[in-house]
Amino acid sequence: MFALAENLGKLISQVGGSTKAKFLLKPLEQLCAVEDAAVRAKAVESIKNILVDANLKELESEVCGMVKRLYEAEWTTSKNSAILLIPLFYSGVSATG
């Protein structure tokens, strides 16, 4: 799972560029919820890489939804990942996102 979390963030060009980067977020969201802290950290890092490479405005609704789902999840592991992701995109999203 660690290798998957590490490499998903590097696949933007293989999925069709930044406009298709949203398709990488769903598996990374799942990895943000696993029990292994190293896998969660690597998944968060991969999401950071995607947000740097992609246009945040194109991914705004997907990222906001992902963070909301992670934070509202039952387990603390998901909440921890959500807390690490909030500062990454906070300044770049609109008030309605």
C-alpha atoms as a PDB file:
ATOM      1  CA  MET A   1       0.000   0.000   0.000  1.00  0.00           C
ATOM      2  CA  PHE A   2       2.926   2.301   0.691  1.00  0.00           C
ATOM      3  CA  ALA A   3       4.220   1.974  -2.884  1.00  0.00           C
ATOM      4  CA  LEU A   4       0.738   2.623  -4.245  1.00  0.00           C
ATOM      5  CA  ALA A   5       0.336   5.750  -2.117  1.00  0.00           C
ATOM      6  CA  GLU A   6       3.780   6.922  -3.198  1.00  0.00           C
ATOM      7  CA  ASN A   7       3.297   6.394  -6.930  1.00  0.00           C
ATOM      8  CA  LEU A   8      -0.274   7.593  -7.438  1.00  0.00           C
ATOM      9  CA  GLY A   9       0.897  11.173  -6.982  1.00  0.00           C
ATOM     10  CA  LYS A  10       3.307  10.760  -9.893  1.00  0.00           C
ATOM     11  CA  LEU A  11       0.727   9.577 -12.432  1.00  0.00           C
ATOM     12  CA  ILE A  12      -0.809  12.889 -13.506  1.00  0.00           C
ATOM     13  CA  SER A  13       0.629  12.754 -17.022  1.00  0.00           C
ATOM     14  CA  GLN A  14      -0.429   9.103 -17.414  1.00  0.00           C
ATOM     15  CA  VAL A  15      -4.084   9.814 -16.609  1.00  0.00           C
ATOM     16  CA  GLY A  16      -4.364  12.687 -19.070  1.00  0.00           C
ATOM     17  CA  GLY A  17      -2.838  15.681 -17.324  1.00  0.00           C
ATOM     18  CA  SER A  18      -4.107  18.030 -14.665  1.00  0.00           C
ATOM     19  CA  THR A  19      -7.662  18.023 -16.020  1.00  0.00           C
ATOM     20  CA  LYS A  20      -7.917  14.301 -15.223  1.00  0.00           C
ATOM     21  CA  ALA A  21      -5.979  14.388 -11.952  1.00  0.00           C
ATOM     22  CA  LYS A  22      -9.242  14.095 -10.015  1.00  0.00           C
ATOM     23  CA  PHE A  23      -9.310  10.389 -10.873  1.00  0.00           C
ATOM     24  CA  LEU A  24      -6.217   9.878  -8.715  1.00  0.00           C
ATOM     25  CA  LEU A  25      -7.826  11.448  -5.662  1.00  0.00           C
ATOM     26  CA  LYS A  26     -10.352   8.674  -4.902  1.00  0.00           C
ATOM     27  CA  PRO A  27      -7.797   5.887  -4.372  1.00  0.00           C
ATOM     28  CA  LEU A  28      -5.617   8.303  -2.406  1.00  0.00           C
ATOM     29  CA  GLU A  29      -8.610   9.180  -0.244  1.00  0.00           C
ATOM     30  CA  GLN A  30      -8.987   5.505   0.595  1.00  0.00           C
ATOM     31  CA  LEU A  31      -5.296   5.286   1.458  1.00  0.00           C
ATOM     32  CA  CYS A  32      -5.658   8.313   3.750  1.00  0.00           C
ATOM     33  CA  ALA A  33      -7.958   6.220   5.906  1.00  0.00           C
ATOM     34  CA  VAL A  34      -5.770   3.154   6.447  1.00  0.00           C
ATOM     35  CA  GLU A  35      -4.350   2.299   9.843  1.00  0.00           C
ATOM     36  CA  ASP A  36      -0.688   2.412   8.812  1.00  0.00           C
ATOM     37  CA  ALA A  37       0.596   5.942   9.524  1.00  0.00           C
ATOM     38  CA  ALA A  38       3.347   5.702   6.896  1.00  0.00           C
ATOM     39  CA  VAL A  39       0.823   4.880   4.173  1.00  0.00           C
ATOM     40  CA  ARG A  40      -1.435   7.752   5.269  1.00  0.00           C
ATOM     41  CA  ALA A  41       1.490  10.177   5.280  1.00  0.00           C
ATOM     42  CA  LYS A  42       2.565   9.097   1.809  1.00  0.00           C
ATOM     43  CA  ALA A  43      -1.005   9.404   0.510  1.00  0.00           C
ATOM     44  CA  VAL A  44      -1.213  12.952   1.880  1.00  0.00           C
ATOM     45  CA  GLU A  45       2.133  13.726   0.258  1.00  0.00           C
ATOM     46  CA  SER A  46       0.867  12.395  -3.078  1.00  0.00           C
ATOM     47  CA  ILE A  47      -2.243  14.549  -2.806  1.00  0.00           C
ATOM     48  CA  LYS A  48       0.052  17.522  -2.155  1.00  0.00           C
ATOM     49  CA  ASN A  49       1.988  16.671  -5.326  1.00  0.00           C
ATOM     50  CA  ILE A  50      -1.218  16.489  -7.340  1.00  0.00           C
ATOM     51  CA  LEU A  51      -2.418  19.841  -6.006  1.00  0.00           C
ATOM     52  CA  VAL A  52       0.918  21.444  -6.875  1.00  0.00           C
ATOM     53  CA  ASP A  53       0.919  20.034 -10.417  1.00  0.00           C
ATOM     54  CA  ALA A  54      -2.780  20.494 -11.161  1.00  0.00           C
ATOM     55  CA  ASN A  55      -4.918  23.610 -11.224  1.00  0.00           C
ATOM     56  CA  LEU A  56      -6.583  23.844  -7.804  1.00  0.00           C
ATOM     57  CA  LYS A  57      -9.641  25.582  -9.265  1.00  0.00           C
ATOM     58  CA  GLU A  58     -10.291  22.533 -11.466  1.00  0.00           C
ATOM     59  CA  LEU A  59     -10.080  20.208  -8.460  1.00  0.00           C
ATOM     60  CA  GLU A  60     -11.711  22.468  -5.884  1.00  0.00           C
ATOM     61  CA  SER A  61     -15.000  20.600  -5.509  1.00  0.00           C
ATOM     62  CA  GLU A  62     -13.307  17.178  -5.483  1.00  0.00           C
ATOM     63  CA  VAL A  63     -10.711  18.209  -2.894  1.00  0.00           C
ATOM     64  CA  CYS A  64     -13.243  19.942  -0.639  1.00  0.00           C
ATOM     65  CA  GLY A  65     -15.522  16.903  -0.832  1.00  0.00           C
ATOM     66  CA  MET A  66     -12.646  14.554  -0.091  1.00  0.00           C
ATOM     67  CA  VAL A  67     -11.520  16.514   2.964  1.00  0.00           C
ATOM     68  CA  LYS A  68     -15.092  16.734   4.208  1.00  0.00           C
ATOM     69  CA  ARG A  69     -15.608  12.970   3.834  1.00  0.00           C
ATOM     70  CA  LEU A  70     -12.310  12.229   5.576  1.00  0.00           C
ATOM     71  CA  TYR A  71     -13.084  14.570   8.444  1.00  0.00           C
ATOM     72  CA  GLU A  72     -16.615  13.254   8.908  1.00  0.00           C
ATOM     73  CA  ALA A  73     -15.485   9.616   8.870  1.00  0.00           C
ATOM     74  CA  GLU A  74     -15.881   7.549  11.993  1.00  0.00           C
ATOM     75  CA  TRP A  75     -12.201   6.734  12.503  1.00  0.00           C
ATOM     76  CA  THR A  76      -9.487   9.069  13.760  1.00  0.00           C
ATOM     77  CA  THR A  77      -7.102   7.972  11.030  1.00  0.00           C
ATOM     78  CA  SER A  78      -9.241   9.651   8.377  1.00  0.00           C
ATOM     79  CA  LYS A  79      -9.654  12.768  10.496  1.00  0.00           C
ATOM     80  CA  ASN A  80      -5.881  13.056  10.908  1.00  0.00           C
ATOM     81  CA  SER A  81      -5.394  12.969   7.148  1.00  0.00           C
ATOM     82  CA  ALA A  82      -8.095  15.594   6.641  1.00  0.00           C
ATOM     83  CA  ILE A  83      -6.392  17.893   9.127  1.00  0.00           C
ATOM     84  CA  LEU A  84      -3.109  17.564   7.224  1.00  0.00           C
ATOM     85  CA  LEU A  85      -4.821  18.399   3.923  1.00  0.00           C
ATOM     86  CA  ILE A  86      -6.756  21.495   5.002  1.00  0.00           C
ATOM     87  CA  PRO A  87      -3.807  23.942   4.946  1.00  0.00           C
ATOM     88  CA  LEU A  88      -2.782  22.788   1.471  1.00  0.00           C
ATOM     89  CA  PHE A  89      -5.742  24.208  -0.309  1.00  0.00           C
ATOM     90  CA  TYR A  90      -7.353  26.572   2.200  1.00  0.00           C
ATOM     91  CA  SER A  91      -5.967  29.777   0.706  1.00  0.00           C
ATOM     92  CA  GLY A  92      -6.708  28.697  -2.858  1.00  0.00           C
ATOM     93  CA  VAL A  93     -10.403  27.761  -2.709  1.00  0.00           C
ATOM     94  CA  SER A  94     -13.424  29.994  -3.034  1.00  0.00           C
ATOM     95  CA  ALA A  95     -15.821  30.720  -0.198  1.00  0.00           C
ATOM     96  CA  THR A  96     -18.456  28.505  -1.842  1.00  0.00           C
ATOM     97  CA  GLY A  97     -16.093  25.502  -2.318  1.00  0.00           C
END
